[in-house]
């Protein structure tokens, strides 16, 4: 019986690890609290498909962009489409350098880069 119990625990742990490797989590600190957003592989595919299907023109950003970078005010932030999922609606995005850059519109800080 102990072996079955240990096998179940091991299987659960491994499944959690596999999920963690397949999805990207973004932590967005707010006013005294934090929100976590997970971007699953299927959601990444939807985002990339949208960019291709709608022929979104890339924007040139002069500065090097990484998570935490604040984008300049001359970079236009686009609204997140409905089909990207409700967890992303509070963000805006920029398509630059073959990457979709998710941005917090209030601070203009980059929260995720979808490559």
N, C-alpha and C. Protein backbone atom coordinates (compact mmCIF):
# COMPACT_ATOMS: atom_id res chain seq x y z
N UNK A 1 0.82 -1.19 0.00
CA UNK A 1 0.00 0.00 0.00
C UNK A 1 0.87 1.27 0.00
N UNK A 2 1.99 1.21 0.73
CA UNK A 2 2.88 2.36 0.77
C UNK A 2 3.44 2.66 -0.61
N UNK A 3 3.73 1.62 -1.39
CA UNK A 3 4.27 1.82 -2.73
C UNK A 3 3.27 2.52 -3.63
N UNK A 4 2.01 2.14 -3.52
CA UNK A 4 0.96 2.78 -4.34
C UNK A 4 0.84 4.25 -3.96
N UNK A 5 0.86 4.53 -2.67
CA UNK A 5 0.78 5.89 -2.18
C UNK A 5 1.96 6.73 -2.67
N UNK A 6 3.17 6.18 -2.56
CA UNK A 6 4.36 6.88 -3.02
C UNK A 6 4.34 7.09 -4.53
N UNK A 7 3.85 6.10 -5.28
CA UNK A 7 3.75 6.24 -6.73
C UNK A 7 2.77 7.35 -7.09
N UNK A 8 1.68 7.46 -6.36
CA UNK A 8 0.69 8.51 -6.62
C UNK A 8 1.29 9.89 -6.35
N UNK A 9 2.03 10.01 -5.27
CA UNK A 9 2.67 11.29 -4.94
C UNK A 9 3.70 11.66 -6.01
N UNK A 10 4.48 10.70 -6.43
CA UNK A 10 5.49 10.94 -7.46
C UNK A 10 4.83 11.37 -8.77
N UNK A 11 3.75 10.70 -9.17
CA UNK A 11 3.05 11.05 -10.41
C UNK A 11 2.48 12.46 -10.33
N UNK A 12 1.91 12.82 -9.20
CA UNK A 12 1.36 14.17 -9.03
C UNK A 12 2.45 15.23 -9.10
N UNK A 13 3.57 14.97 -8.46
CA UNK A 13 4.69 15.91 -8.48
C UNK A 13 5.23 16.09 -9.88
N UNK A 14 5.39 15.00 -10.61
CA UNK A 14 5.92 15.08 -11.97
C UNK A 14 4.96 15.80 -12.89
N UNK A 15 3.66 15.59 -12.72
CA UNK A 15 2.67 16.27 -13.56
C UNK A 15 2.73 17.77 -13.32
N UNK A 16 2.88 18.17 -12.07
CA UNK A 16 3.01 19.60 -11.75
C UNK A 16 4.24 20.21 -12.35
N UNK A 17 5.35 19.47 -12.32
CA UNK A 17 6.60 19.94 -12.90
C UNK A 17 6.47 20.08 -14.41
N UNK A 18 5.81 19.11 -15.05
CA UNK A 18 5.63 19.18 -16.51
C UNK A 18 4.79 20.37 -16.88
N UNK A 19 3.73 20.66 -16.12
CA UNK A 19 2.91 21.82 -16.42
C UNK A 19 3.70 23.11 -16.24
N UNK A 20 4.49 23.18 -15.21
CA UNK A 20 5.27 24.39 -14.95
C UNK A 20 6.25 24.67 -16.08
N UNK A 21 6.75 23.64 -16.72
CA UNK A 21 7.70 23.82 -17.81
C UNK A 21 7.00 24.21 -19.10
N UNK A 22 5.71 23.90 -19.24
CA UNK A 22 5.03 24.15 -20.49
C UNK A 22 4.30 25.49 -20.53
N UNK A 23 4.18 26.17 -19.43
CA UNK A 23 3.47 27.44 -19.39
C UNK A 23 4.37 28.51 -18.80
N UNK A 24 4.13 29.74 -19.21
CA UNK A 24 4.88 30.87 -18.70
C UNK A 24 4.01 31.61 -17.69
N UNK A 25 4.55 31.94 -16.56
CA UNK A 25 3.81 32.66 -15.54
C UNK A 25 4.36 34.06 -15.41
N UNK A 26 3.45 35.02 -15.39
CA UNK A 26 3.82 36.41 -15.22
C UNK A 26 3.24 36.87 -13.89
N UNK A 27 4.05 37.43 -13.04
CA UNK A 27 3.57 37.97 -11.77
C UNK A 27 3.52 39.48 -11.91
N UNK A 28 2.35 40.02 -11.69
CA UNK A 28 2.15 41.46 -11.84
C UNK A 28 1.81 42.06 -10.49
N UNK A 29 2.76 42.70 -9.84
CA UNK A 29 2.45 43.32 -8.56
C UNK A 29 1.54 44.52 -8.74
N UNK A 30 0.58 44.63 -7.86
CA UNK A 30 -0.35 45.76 -7.91
C UNK A 30 -0.25 46.55 -6.63
N UNK A 31 -1.31 47.24 -6.32
CA UNK A 31 -1.35 48.05 -5.12
C UNK A 31 -1.47 47.15 -3.90
N UNK A 32 -0.35 46.69 -3.40
CA UNK A 32 -0.36 45.86 -2.22
C UNK A 32 -0.68 44.40 -2.46
N UNK A 33 -0.92 44.00 -3.69
CA UNK A 33 -1.22 42.60 -3.98
C UNK A 33 -0.57 42.19 -5.28
N UNK A 34 -0.58 40.92 -5.57
CA UNK A 34 0.01 40.46 -6.82
C UNK A 34 -0.98 39.57 -7.55
N UNK A 35 -0.92 39.63 -8.87
CA UNK A 35 -1.75 38.78 -9.72
C UNK A 35 -0.82 37.92 -10.55
N UNK A 36 -1.22 36.70 -10.76
CA UNK A 36 -0.40 35.80 -11.55
C UNK A 36 -1.13 35.47 -12.83
N UNK A 37 -0.43 35.55 -13.94
CA UNK A 37 -1.00 35.24 -15.24
C UNK A 37 -0.17 34.12 -15.84
N UNK A 38 -0.84 33.07 -16.29
CA UNK A 38 -0.16 31.96 -16.92
C UNK A 38 -0.48 31.96 -18.41
N UNK A 39 0.55 31.90 -19.23
CA UNK A 39 0.39 31.84 -20.68
C UNK A 39 0.73 30.42 -21.11
N UNK A 40 -0.31 29.65 -21.42
CA UNK A 40 -0.14 28.26 -21.82
C UNK A 40 0.37 28.19 -23.26
N UNK A 41 0.96 27.08 -23.64
CA UNK A 41 1.45 26.93 -25.02
C UNK A 41 0.37 27.16 -26.08
N UNK A 42 -0.86 26.71 -25.81
CA UNK A 42 -1.94 26.94 -26.79
C UNK A 42 -2.26 28.43 -26.91
N UNK A 43 -2.18 29.15 -25.81
CA UNK A 43 -2.41 30.58 -25.83
C UNK A 43 -1.30 31.30 -26.60
N UNK A 44 -0.07 30.84 -26.45
CA UNK A 44 1.05 31.40 -27.22
C UNK A 44 0.80 31.20 -28.72
N UNK A 45 0.30 30.02 -29.07
CA UNK A 45 0.00 29.72 -30.48
C UNK A 45 -1.09 30.66 -30.99
N UNK A 46 -2.12 30.91 -30.19
CA UNK A 46 -3.18 31.84 -30.57
C UNK A 46 -2.61 33.24 -30.80
N UNK A 47 -1.74 33.67 -29.94
CA UNK A 47 -1.14 35.01 -30.06
C UNK A 47 -0.34 35.10 -31.35
N UNK A 48 0.50 34.11 -31.61
CA UNK A 48 1.32 34.12 -32.83
C UNK A 48 0.44 34.05 -34.08
N UNK A 49 -0.63 33.26 -34.04
CA UNK A 49 -1.55 33.15 -35.18
C UNK A 49 -2.23 34.49 -35.45
N UNK A 50 -2.64 35.16 -34.38
CA UNK A 50 -3.29 36.46 -34.54
C UNK A 50 -2.36 37.45 -35.24
N UNK A 51 -1.11 37.50 -34.81
CA UNK A 51 -0.14 38.42 -35.39
C UNK A 51 0.02 38.14 -36.89
N UNK A 52 0.09 36.85 -37.25
CA UNK A 52 0.27 36.46 -38.65
C UNK A 52 -0.99 36.74 -39.46
N UNK A 53 -2.14 36.31 -38.97
CA UNK A 53 -3.40 36.46 -39.70
C UNK A 53 -3.80 37.92 -39.90
N UNK A 54 -3.56 38.75 -38.91
CA UNK A 54 -3.95 40.16 -38.99
C UNK A 54 -2.83 41.04 -39.52
N UNK A 55 -1.73 40.42 -39.90
CA UNK A 55 -0.59 41.14 -40.48
C UNK A 55 -0.22 42.38 -39.68
N UNK A 56 -0.03 42.16 -38.38
CA UNK A 56 0.34 43.25 -37.49
C UNK A 56 1.75 43.71 -37.87
N UNK A 57 1.87 44.99 -38.13
CA UNK A 57 3.17 45.54 -38.52
C UNK A 57 4.06 45.68 -37.30
N UNK A 58 5.30 45.21 -37.42
CA UNK A 58 6.22 45.36 -36.28
C UNK A 58 6.60 46.82 -36.06
N UNK A 59 6.86 47.14 -34.83
CA UNK A 59 7.28 48.47 -34.42
C UNK A 59 8.76 48.40 -34.07
N UNK A 60 9.50 49.42 -34.44
CA UNK A 60 10.91 49.48 -34.10
C UNK A 60 11.04 50.19 -32.75
N UNK A 61 11.63 49.48 -31.81
CA UNK A 61 11.90 50.07 -30.50
C UNK A 61 13.41 50.26 -30.43
N UNK A 62 13.85 51.49 -30.20
CA UNK A 62 15.28 51.82 -30.23
C UNK A 62 16.05 51.18 -29.08
N UNK A 63 15.41 51.11 -27.91
CA UNK A 63 16.07 50.55 -26.73
C UNK A 63 15.97 49.04 -26.75
N UNK A 64 16.89 48.40 -26.03
CA UNK A 64 16.79 46.96 -25.86
C UNK A 64 15.61 46.67 -24.94
N UNK A 65 14.76 45.74 -25.35
CA UNK A 65 13.55 45.44 -24.59
C UNK A 65 13.71 44.12 -23.85
N UNK A 66 13.44 44.16 -22.56
CA UNK A 66 13.43 42.96 -21.74
C UNK A 66 12.35 43.15 -20.68
N UNK A 67 12.02 42.07 -19.98
CA UNK A 67 11.02 42.16 -18.93
C UNK A 67 11.50 43.17 -17.89
N UNK A 68 10.62 44.10 -17.54
CA UNK A 68 10.96 45.15 -16.59
C UNK A 68 11.30 46.48 -17.24
N UNK A 69 11.60 46.46 -18.55
CA UNK A 69 11.91 47.70 -19.28
C UNK A 69 10.66 48.56 -19.36
N UNK A 70 10.82 49.86 -19.23
CA UNK A 70 9.72 50.80 -19.43
C UNK A 70 9.81 51.31 -20.87
N UNK A 71 8.73 51.12 -21.63
CA UNK A 71 8.74 51.57 -23.02
C UNK A 71 8.51 53.07 -23.10
N UNK A 72 9.16 53.74 -24.05
CA UNK A 72 8.97 55.19 -24.20
C UNK A 72 7.55 55.52 -24.64
N UNK A 73 7.15 56.75 -24.37
CA UNK A 73 5.77 57.16 -24.67
C UNK A 73 5.46 57.22 -26.16
N UNK A 74 6.48 57.25 -27.02
CA UNK A 74 6.20 57.30 -28.46
C UNK A 74 5.91 55.92 -29.05
N UNK A 75 6.04 54.84 -28.27
CA UNK A 75 5.71 53.50 -28.73
C UNK A 75 4.22 53.27 -28.50
N UNK A 76 3.49 53.01 -29.57
CA UNK A 76 2.04 52.82 -29.48
C UNK A 76 1.73 51.44 -28.91
N UNK A 77 0.92 51.41 -27.85
CA UNK A 77 0.49 50.16 -27.24
C UNK A 77 -0.86 49.78 -27.82
N UNK A 78 -0.99 48.53 -28.25
CA UNK A 78 -2.22 48.04 -28.87
C UNK A 78 -3.06 47.26 -27.86
N UNK A 79 -4.39 47.32 -28.03
CA UNK A 79 -5.30 46.59 -27.14
C UNK A 79 -5.18 45.09 -27.40
N UNK A 80 -5.30 44.31 -26.34
CA UNK A 80 -5.26 42.85 -26.44
C UNK A 80 -6.59 42.37 -27.04
N UNK A 81 -6.53 41.55 -28.09
CA UNK A 81 -7.76 41.01 -28.68
C UNK A 81 -8.47 40.05 -27.71
N UNK A 82 -9.79 39.94 -27.85
CA UNK A 82 -10.61 39.08 -26.99
C UNK A 82 -10.13 37.63 -27.00
N UNK A 83 -9.74 37.12 -28.16
CA UNK A 83 -9.41 35.70 -28.26
C UNK A 83 -8.07 35.33 -27.63
N UNK A 84 -7.35 36.28 -27.08
CA UNK A 84 -6.11 35.96 -26.36
C UNK A 84 -6.40 35.51 -24.94
N UNK A 85 -7.64 35.68 -24.50
CA UNK A 85 -8.04 35.23 -23.18
C UNK A 85 -8.23 36.36 -22.20
N UNK A 86 -9.14 36.15 -21.24
CA UNK A 86 -9.46 37.22 -20.28
C UNK A 86 -8.33 37.57 -19.32
N UNK A 87 -7.39 36.67 -19.12
CA UNK A 87 -6.30 36.95 -18.18
C UNK A 87 -5.34 38.03 -18.69
N UNK A 88 -5.41 38.35 -19.97
CA UNK A 88 -4.49 39.33 -20.55
C UNK A 88 -5.14 40.68 -20.86
N UNK A 89 -6.44 40.82 -20.63
CA UNK A 89 -7.15 42.03 -21.05
C UNK A 89 -6.70 43.32 -20.37
N UNK A 90 -6.08 43.21 -19.22
CA UNK A 90 -5.63 44.44 -18.55
C UNK A 90 -4.30 44.94 -19.10
N UNK A 91 -3.71 44.18 -20.02
CA UNK A 91 -2.44 44.55 -20.62
C UNK A 91 -2.64 45.14 -22.01
N UNK A 92 -1.58 45.67 -22.57
CA UNK A 92 -1.52 46.08 -23.97
C UNK A 92 -0.34 45.34 -24.57
N UNK A 93 -0.20 45.43 -25.89
CA UNK A 93 0.93 44.73 -26.50
C UNK A 93 1.57 45.57 -27.59
N UNK A 94 2.80 45.19 -27.90
CA UNK A 94 3.57 45.77 -28.99
C UNK A 94 4.18 44.59 -29.73
N UNK A 95 4.18 44.64 -31.05
CA UNK A 95 4.84 43.61 -31.84
C UNK A 95 6.14 44.22 -32.35
N UNK A 96 7.26 43.67 -31.92
CA UNK A 96 8.56 44.22 -32.27
C UNK A 96 9.60 43.12 -32.32
N UNK A 97 10.43 43.14 -33.35
CA UNK A 97 11.53 42.19 -33.45
C UNK A 97 11.06 40.74 -33.45
N UNK A 98 9.93 40.46 -34.07
CA UNK A 98 9.34 39.12 -34.14
C UNK A 98 8.90 38.60 -32.77
N UNK A 99 8.69 39.51 -31.82
CA UNK A 99 8.21 39.15 -30.49
C UNK A 99 6.95 39.95 -30.18
N UNK A 100 6.07 39.34 -29.44
CA UNK A 100 4.91 40.05 -28.90
C UNK A 100 5.28 40.44 -27.48
N UNK A 101 5.23 41.72 -27.21
CA UNK A 101 5.66 42.25 -25.92
C UNK A 101 4.42 42.70 -25.16
N UNK A 102 4.14 42.05 -24.03
CA UNK A 102 3.01 42.41 -23.19
C UNK A 102 3.45 43.50 -22.22
N UNK A 103 2.61 44.54 -22.13
CA UNK A 103 2.99 45.75 -21.38
C UNK A 103 1.87 46.13 -20.42
N UNK A 104 2.25 46.53 -19.22
CA UNK A 104 1.30 47.12 -18.27
C UNK A 104 1.05 48.55 -18.74
N UNK A 105 -0.19 48.88 -19.15
CA UNK A 105 -0.42 50.21 -19.74
C UNK A 105 -0.27 51.38 -18.77
N UNK A 106 -0.44 51.14 -17.48
CA UNK A 106 -0.32 52.26 -16.54
C UNK A 106 1.13 52.69 -16.32
N UNK A 107 2.03 51.71 -16.28
CA UNK A 107 3.44 52.03 -16.06
C UNK A 107 4.28 51.93 -17.33
N UNK A 108 3.70 51.31 -18.39
CA UNK A 108 4.36 51.03 -19.66
C UNK A 108 5.54 50.06 -19.47
N UNK A 109 5.51 49.31 -18.38
CA UNK A 109 6.57 48.34 -18.07
C UNK A 109 6.27 47.02 -18.77
N UNK A 110 7.30 46.43 -19.38
CA UNK A 110 7.18 45.15 -20.06
C UNK A 110 7.02 44.05 -19.00
N UNK A 111 5.95 43.25 -19.13
CA UNK A 111 5.71 42.18 -18.17
C UNK A 111 5.99 40.80 -18.74
N UNK A 112 5.99 40.68 -20.08
CA UNK A 112 6.26 39.38 -20.70
C UNK A 112 6.63 39.58 -22.16
N UNK A 113 7.53 38.75 -22.64
CA UNK A 113 7.88 38.74 -24.06
C UNK A 113 7.53 37.37 -24.60
N UNK A 114 6.60 37.33 -25.55
CA UNK A 114 6.18 36.07 -26.17
C UNK A 114 6.97 35.91 -27.44
N UNK A 115 7.89 34.95 -27.45
CA UNK A 115 8.73 34.75 -28.64
C UNK A 115 8.26 33.58 -29.46
